[in-house]
Protein backbone atom coordinates (compact mmCIF):
# COMPACT_ATOMS: atom_id res chain seq x y z
CA UNK A 1 -22.81 11.11 -29.57
CA UNK A 2 -25.15 9.35 -30.80
CA UNK A 3 -28.11 8.05 -28.38
CA UNK A 4 -28.27 5.23 -27.27
CA UNK A 5 -31.24 2.89 -28.66
CA UNK A 6 -32.28 -0.96 -30.13
CA UNK A 7 -30.49 0.64 -33.48
CA UNK A 8 -27.28 -0.25 -32.12
CA UNK A 9 -25.31 -3.36 -31.38
CA UNK A 10 -23.26 -3.72 -28.31
CA UNK A 11 -19.76 -5.64 -28.65
CA UNK A 12 -17.53 -6.44 -26.23
CA UNK A 13 -13.71 -6.87 -26.68
CA UNK A 14 -13.95 -10.87 -26.80
CA UNK A 15 -16.74 -10.71 -29.44
CA UNK A 16 -15.57 -10.26 -33.20
CA UNK A 17 -16.30 -7.09 -34.53
CA UNK A 18 -17.40 -6.32 -37.96
CA UNK A 19 -16.18 -9.83 -38.91
CA UNK A 20 -12.44 -8.68 -38.14
CA UNK A 21 -10.26 -11.08 -35.90
CA UNK A 22 -6.75 -9.85 -35.92
CA UNK A 23 -4.19 -12.72 -35.57
CA UNK A 24 -2.51 -10.53 -32.45
CA UNK A 25 -4.26 -7.78 -31.71
CA UNK A 26 -3.07 -5.11 -29.19
CA UNK A 27 -5.72 -4.53 -26.52
CA UNK A 28 -6.98 -0.97 -27.24
CA UNK A 29 -10.00 -1.34 -24.91
CA UNK A 30 -7.37 -1.67 -21.78
CA UNK A 31 -5.47 1.49 -22.99
CA UNK A 32 -8.64 3.34 -23.91
CA UNK A 33 -10.41 2.45 -20.35
CA UNK A 34 -7.05 3.39 -18.38
CA UNK A 35 -6.32 6.64 -20.37
CA UNK A 36 -9.01 8.12 -21.68
CA UNK A 37 -12.57 6.39 -20.13
CA UNK A 38 -11.32 7.36 -16.68
CA UNK A 39 -10.04 10.72 -17.54
CA UNK A 40 -13.55 11.57 -18.94
CA UNK A 41 -15.64 10.39 -16.17
CA UNK A 42 -13.46 12.47 -13.73
CA UNK A 43 -14.40 15.68 -16.19
CA UNK A 44 -17.05 18.29 -14.53
CA UNK A 45 -20.25 18.10 -16.47
CA UNK A 46 -20.06 21.74 -17.24
CA UNK A 47 -16.69 21.32 -19.50
CA UNK A 48 -17.90 17.98 -20.94
CA UNK A 49 -20.98 19.68 -22.35
CA UNK A 50 -19.03 22.16 -23.62
CA UNK A 51 -16.61 19.72 -25.61
CA UNK A 52 -19.52 17.96 -27.22
CA UNK A 53 -21.01 21.45 -28.52
CA UNK A 54 -22.76 19.07 -31.89
CA UNK A 55 -21.26 21.22 -34.74
CA UNK A 56 -17.95 21.05 -33.36
CA UNK A 57 -17.87 17.80 -35.08
CA UNK A 58 -13.84 16.89 -33.95
CA UNK A 59 -12.48 20.24 -34.86
CA UNK A 60 -9.34 20.81 -32.56
CA UNK A 61 -7.41 23.79 -32.31
CA UNK A 62 -4.03 23.76 -30.42
CA UNK A 63 -5.12 26.00 -28.17
CA UNK A 64 -8.45 24.36 -27.30
CA UNK A 65 -9.37 23.61 -24.21
CA UNK A 66 -8.48 20.10 -22.51
CA UNK A 67 -11.65 18.90 -22.37
CA UNK A 68 -12.08 19.62 -26.22
CA UNK A 69 -8.99 16.70 -26.75
CA UNK A 70 -10.14 14.61 -24.16
CA UNK A 71 -13.88 14.40 -25.65
CA UNK A 72 -12.70 13.77 -29.25
CA UNK A 73 -10.42 10.75 -28.07
CA UNK A 74 -13.37 9.68 -26.22
CA UNK A 75 -15.65 9.66 -29.20
CA UNK A 76 -13.94 9.76 -32.32
CA UNK A 77 -10.71 7.25 -32.01
CA UNK A 78 -12.19 4.06 -31.80
CA UNK A 79 -13.94 4.92 -35.10
CA UNK A 80 -11.07 7.01 -36.88
CA UNK A 81 -8.66 3.76 -36.11
CA UNK A 82 -11.06 1.47 -37.79
CA UNK A 83 -10.98 3.41 -40.76
CA UNK A 84 -7.11 4.02 -40.68
CA UNK A 85 -6.54 0.01 -40.55
CA UNK A 86 -9.10 -0.85 -43.03
CA UNK A 87 -7.57 1.51 -45.65
CA UNK A 88 -4.00 0.37 -44.63
CA UNK A 89 -5.09 -3.32 -44.97
CA UNK A 90 -6.72 -2.34 -48.43
CA UNK A 91 -3.54 -0.42 -49.70
CA UNK A 92 -1.18 -3.57 -48.80
CA UNK A 93 -3.60 -6.06 -49.73
CA UNK A 94 -2.20 -7.63 -52.87
CA UNK A 95 1.33 -5.23 -52.75
CA UNK A 96 4.29 -7.20 -53.61
CA UNK A 97 6.33 -4.56 -50.76
CA UNK A 98 3.60 -4.43 -48.29
CA UNK A 99 5.39 -2.87 -45.14
CA UNK A 100 7.42 -4.03 -43.25
CA UNK A 101 9.14 -6.61 -44.68
CA UNK A 102 11.69 -8.89 -42.71
CA UNK A 103 15.29 -7.12 -42.26
CA UNK A 104 13.36 -3.70 -43.17
CA UNK A 105 12.84 -0.52 -40.71
CA UNK A 106 9.86 0.75 -41.28
CA UNK A 107 9.21 4.31 -40.15
CA UNK A 108 5.82 5.70 -39.70
CA UNK A 109 5.41 9.41 -39.17
CA UNK A 110 1.96 9.94 -37.73
CA UNK A 111 1.09 13.85 -38.62
CA UNK A 112 -1.71 15.12 -36.61
CA UNK A 113 -1.36 11.92 -34.73
CA UNK A 114 -4.19 12.83 -31.96
CA UNK A 115 -3.77 10.44 -29.17
CA UNK A 116 -1.57 8.13 -31.40
CA UNK A 117 -4.88 6.85 -33.66
CA UNK A 118 -2.30 5.53 -36.29
CA UNK A 119 -0.58 3.62 -33.77
CA UNK A 120 -3.92 1.85 -32.68
CA UNK A 121 -4.60 1.17 -36.26
CA UNK A 122 -1.41 -0.56 -37.33
CA UNK A 123 -1.30 -2.54 -33.86
CA UNK A 124 -4.65 -4.43 -34.97
CA UNK A 125 -3.72 -4.77 -38.53
CA UNK A 126 -0.39 -5.94 -38.30
CA UNK A 127 1.25 -9.32 -36.46
CA UNK A 128 3.63 -8.43 -33.55
CA UNK A 129 6.54 -9.60 -35.34
CA UNK A 130 6.05 -7.09 -38.33
CA UNK A 131 4.94 -4.50 -35.61
CA UNK A 132 8.67 -4.86 -34.12
CA UNK A 133 10.04 -3.24 -37.31
CA UNK A 134 8.16 -0.20 -36.85
CA UNK A 135 9.60 3.08 -35.68
CA UNK A 136 6.67 5.03 -35.06
CA UNK A 137 6.96 8.81 -34.39
CA UNK A 138 4.02 11.36 -33.68
CA UNK A 139 3.41 14.55 -33.58
CA UNK A 140 0.56 17.06 -32.69
CA UNK A 141 0.01 20.73 -31.69
CA UNK A 142 -1.98 20.06 -28.70
CA UNK A 143 -0.71 19.31 -25.42
CA UNK A 144 -3.60 17.22 -24.34
CA UNK A 145 -3.54 15.16 -27.10
CA UNK A 146 0.02 14.58 -26.65
CA UNK A 147 -0.61 13.43 -23.16
CA UNK A 148 -3.07 11.15 -23.84
CA UNK A 149 -0.96 9.77 -26.69
CA UNK A 150 2.02 9.11 -24.85
CA UNK A 151 -0.09 7.12 -22.09
CA UNK A 152 -2.01 5.48 -24.95
CA UNK A 153 1.29 4.03 -26.08
CA UNK A 154 2.48 2.65 -22.72
CA UNK A 155 -0.75 0.69 -22.23
CA UNK A 156 -1.34 -0.29 -25.99
CA UNK A 157 1.96 -2.26 -25.74
CA UNK A 158 2.45 -2.20 -29.60
CA UNK A 159 5.60 -4.23 -29.68
CA UNK A 160 6.58 -1.46 -32.00
CA UNK A 161 10.39 -1.28 -32.23
CA UNK A 162 10.27 2.30 -30.87
CA UNK A 163 7.42 5.18 -30.27
CA UNK A 164 7.64 8.22 -29.40
CA UNK A 165 6.32 11.69 -29.65
CA UNK A 166 8.08 14.64 -31.10
CA UNK A 167 7.81 18.31 -30.51
CA UNK A 168 8.15 19.36 -33.90
CA UNK A 169 8.60 18.15 -37.39
CA UNK A 170 12.21 19.37 -37.76
CA UNK A 171 13.19 16.37 -35.43
CA UNK A 172 12.48 13.80 -37.57
CA UNK A 173 15.85 11.84 -38.82
CA UNK A 174 15.59 9.52 -41.77
CA UNK A 175 19.02 8.14 -41.09
CA UNK A 176 19.03 4.11 -41.36
CA UNK A 177 15.27 4.13 -42.41
CA UNK A 178 14.55 1.50 -45.08
CA UNK A 179 10.74 2.42 -45.72
CA UNK A 180 9.00 5.27 -44.95
CA UNK A 181 5.24 6.11 -44.30
CA UNK A 182 3.36 9.50 -43.55
CA UNK A 183 0.26 9.12 -42.22
CA UNK A 184 -2.63 11.75 -41.76
CA UNK A 185 -5.52 10.45 -39.82
CA UNK A 186 -8.43 12.72 -40.17
CA UNK A 187 -6.44 15.88 -40.12
CA UNK A 188 -6.49 17.66 -43.35
CA UNK A 189 -10.15 18.72 -43.13
CA UNK A 190 -9.17 20.48 -39.60
CA UNK A 191 -10.37 24.51 -39.77
CA UNK A 192 -7.59 25.08 -37.27
CA UNK A 193 -4.83 24.47 -40.33
CA UNK A 194 -2.92 27.34 -41.83
CA UNK A 195 -0.85 28.11 -44.96
CA UNK A 196 2.36 27.29 -42.36
CA UNK A 197 1.33 23.72 -41.80
CA UNK A 198 1.10 22.70 -45.29
CA UNK A 199 4.38 24.17 -45.95
CA UNK A 200 5.86 22.56 -43.18
CA UNK A 201 4.32 19.32 -44.46
CA UNK A 202 5.50 19.69 -47.53
CA UNK A 203 9.43 21.24 -46.28
CA UNK A 204 9.53 17.70 -44.37
CA UNK A 205 8.46 15.14 -47.08
CA UNK A 206 10.59 17.16 -49.60
CA UNK A 207 13.87 16.40 -47.09
CA UNK A 208 12.93 12.63 -46.95
CA UNK A 209 12.18 12.37 -50.79
CA UNK A 210 15.84 13.95 -51.06
CA UNK A 211 17.45 11.89 -48.50
CA UNK A 212 15.96 8.33 -49.17
CA UNK A 213 16.82 5.94 -52.40
CA UNK A 214 13.11 4.83 -52.87
CA UNK A 215 9.95 6.52 -52.67
CA UNK A 216 8.55 8.21 -50.02
CA UNK A 217 4.70 6.67 -48.96
CA UNK A 218 1.60 8.71 -47.65
CA UNK A 219 -1.78 7.75 -46.72
CA UNK A 220 -4.55 9.68 -45.58
CA UNK A 221 -8.25 9.45 -44.68
CA UNK A 222 -10.22 12.54 -44.10
CA UNK A 223 -13.88 13.68 -43.40
CA UNK A 224 -13.80 15.50 -46.96
CA UNK A 225 -11.60 14.00 -50.01
CA UNK A 226 -11.33 17.32 -51.75
CA UNK A 227 -10.29 20.81 -50.80
CA UNK A 228 -8.58 22.57 -48.09
CA UNK A 229 -5.15 21.53 -47.29
CA UNK A 230 -4.87 18.41 -49.50
CA UNK A 231 -5.11 20.88 -52.44
CA UNK A 232 -2.52 22.92 -50.56
CA UNK A 233 -0.22 20.35 -49.71
CA UNK A 234 -0.71 18.97 -53.16
CA UNK A 235 0.48 22.55 -54.83
CA UNK A 236 3.79 22.67 -52.20
CA UNK A 237 4.74 19.43 -53.72
CA UNK A 238 4.64 20.56 -57.06
CA UNK A 239 6.53 23.65 -56.57
CA UNK A 240 9.10 21.80 -55.01
CA UNK A 241 9.12 19.64 -57.96
CA UNK A 242 8.39 16.34 -55.84
CA UNK A 243 6.10 13.91 -58.57
CA UNK A 244 3.44 11.29 -56.85
CA UNK A 245 1.41 8.49 -57.74
CA UNK A 246 -2.12 8.27 -56.57
CA UNK A 247 -4.45 5.54 -55.55
CA UNK A 248 -8.07 6.22 -54.13
CA UNK A 249 -8.89 3.75 -51.54
CA UNK A 250 -12.94 3.16 -50.72
CA UNK A 251 -13.45 1.65 -47.28
CA UNK A 252 -17.07 0.98 -45.65
CA UNK A 253 -16.69 0.63 -41.85
CA UNK A 254 -19.57 0.14 -39.55
CA UNK A 255 -19.50 3.27 -37.03
CA UNK A 256 -18.59 2.38 -33.17
CA UNK A 257 -18.69 4.82 -30.21
CA UNK A 258 -18.15 4.32 -26.45
CA UNK A 259 -21.06 1.99 -24.67
CA UNK A 260 -21.35 0.78 -20.97
CA UNK A 261 -18.35 -0.92 -19.57
CA UNK A 262 -19.11 -4.76 -18.18
CA UNK A 263 -18.95 -6.16 -15.04
CA UNK A 264 -15.63 -7.41 -16.26
CA UNK A 265 -14.58 -4.11 -17.25
CA UNK A 266 -14.71 -4.64 -20.71
CA UNK A 267 -15.71 -1.98 -23.04
CA UNK A 268 -19.35 -2.69 -24.91
CA UNK A 269 -19.02 -0.73 -28.35
CA UNK A 270 -22.41 0.95 -29.28
CA UNK A 271 -21.99 -0.18 -33.05
CA UNK A 272 -24.51 1.82 -35.61
CA UNK A 273 -25.79 0.55 -38.78
CA UNK A 274 -24.63 3.81 -40.42
CA UNK A 275 -21.33 3.45 -42.15
CA UNK A 276 -18.21 5.24 -42.27
CA UNK A 277 -17.72 5.97 -45.85
CA UNK A 278 -14.45 7.30 -46.47
CA UNK A 279 -12.04 7.55 -49.77
CA UNK A 280 -8.61 7.65 -48.63
CA UNK A 281 -5.32 8.18 -50.88
CA UNK A 282 -2.09 6.56 -50.99
CA UNK A 283 0.83 8.68 -52.60
CA UNK A 284 4.06 7.19 -53.69
CA UNK A 285 6.52 10.18 -53.81
CA UNK A 286 9.55 10.78 -55.31
CA UNK A 287 12.06 13.37 -57.26
């Protein structure tokens, strides 16, 4: 985690951050404080130090210690949600079919959801009226991430039509789905991924495309645009005869990390001059 210093700007929730002021924001600071910060503060020092190993950089295996998942949520969720929010806005900035339209139900299947990071991003990107049309399904193999995510959803008050964690991607039901969006937020570069993971993702996407009347959409953000699981996933989809149109999206977002808690319990985020420079992709998938 970055060292504190004069090169950081401390921003509290009541101020505009990076010029961004959502119309009807969710209160992420409150959820962060109640769910993540309180638990991190109570984590023994030796466990915290082990979780903060520099070369780990957010890499998380399903069987890693609880403290690893907790630290990754504490240190990275704010920034990863910022990135996904901006990518989502760029993808649909000029799109005539920006989801979800009135009368539509948008199913968001968040794969490798962590502590519901995409839910945070959508809660900040969309007005409450649109959020009420979203069914959010989150999947993460790490038990602590699932636990944190369920509590984040409870305290975030997204106003989604429904919001749940699932134990298996086989549990996803596409019945009565008008629009479908698969999301991968900082997942595809994880070292712990195996061939079975991409095969499972491709199988789910194939099932969705075959069951829906229109194309399924996919948005990913990642620490590395090329290589790894992304190539494997594209190859799996080609073998399954799934066609796709890929649109690259570039965003620059100021990095933010947890700062001190103010006297009124607001989180003051340490805002770096260094930016997250991300290239993401938006896929439209069909047979």
